[in-house]
Amino acid sequence: MKRLDRIFKDIFQKKEQFLEFLQMFLPDLVEKYSITEESLVKERTEIISHTLRSSMIDVLYRIKTKDIDAFVFILLEHQTNKDYLMPFRMLEYTVAIWRHYIDENKSIAKRKSFKLPPVVPIVYYEGAGRWTVERDIMEKVRKLSGYEKYIPRLEYMVIEASGLEKEWLLDGETALSKLIYASIVDKEEFERNKDRFEESVRRLRKSKIMTILDLIKQIIEASKDLSKEELEELEGFVSNMEVEGMFTKLLGSAKEEGRKEGREEGRIEGLLEAKRQDIYEILEERFGEVPEDIKETVGKIADTKKLSILHRKSISVKDFDEFRELLTHSDK
């Protein structure tokens, strides 16, 4: 799995970024049902897919408003070799989500009035070439003349990164649109639009600039774990984003703005606290209320790099004890 895959998995851990994704690719759904961050509930993907033989869902959110209770899930595909069983996988995941919903509702699910929630399956594809896999399970089933009505239908949405309109990404007002743009254009094209890209990033809120910077720092820190192919991909991505040039300048502008708003020490403490809260949020969503001893230890960490590492690890640890072990090692 390529490093850019992990970038997008990381960015979707926060409700703000997932809402931006919905606003970019499912704007009608967001507008019609007035979806906000408060409407989103991040689901534990391992609960849904631990019994399935195929790989796990990458991102799963539940949307709850006064009008709907629905699910949206994403598979991040960066492979050159396409999975031609994808229609079956998407059906399998959808049924698993329904099974989870039925188990949640127990006796209510047995009533005649009970309805299953809508599920929106999405494949985000960044591989080479076009997505040539069937998009509906009915296309994967042999036809039996006269019995077509018994073949199930389930179509999934495909977002092909290479096919996205670059002007739209360049002018977008989200951190996600900038990351996608930098990942799909070559260095020559990026150079031609460098000034425009810089200006579009400058228009983002300071917190979104920090989101991009944090993700770039994460992939640089992890570069020693990459294969040669992944390292080349990373180098091209970072080269486009011009970490040491443009973003250093933008961060400097953000710091200057922070000085005008208040003392620099307060800004740094605010950043540290935001990172701590991100860790607590993920742990709470995965395992329940975060124990006080963990909060106390994390609260004493005043190193943004350590907190960023712990944030990434909090997504994959098995339980609170494993996270405590990470905290022990982080002090060394």
Foldseek 3Di string as FASTA:
>chain_A
DFPVLVLVLLQLLQLVSVVVVCCVPVVVVCVVQVFDSVQKAWAQQCQLPVPPPDDTFSGKIWGDDPVFTEIETEDEAADQDDDLCVQVVVVSSVVSVQVVVCVVVPPVCPDPPDDGGYYAYEYEYAYPDDDPHDFWVLVVDDDDPPCSVPRDTDGHHYHYLLPDDLVCLQQDQALVSLLSNLLRDFQVVLVVCVVSSLVSLLPHDPVRLVSNLLSLVVCVVCLVVDDPVSNVSNVRSCSSVVCVPSSVVSVVVVQVVVVVVHPSVVVLLVVLVVLLVLLQVLQCSVANHDDPVVSVLSNPDSDVVLSSVLSSVSNPDPHVVVSVVSSVVSVD
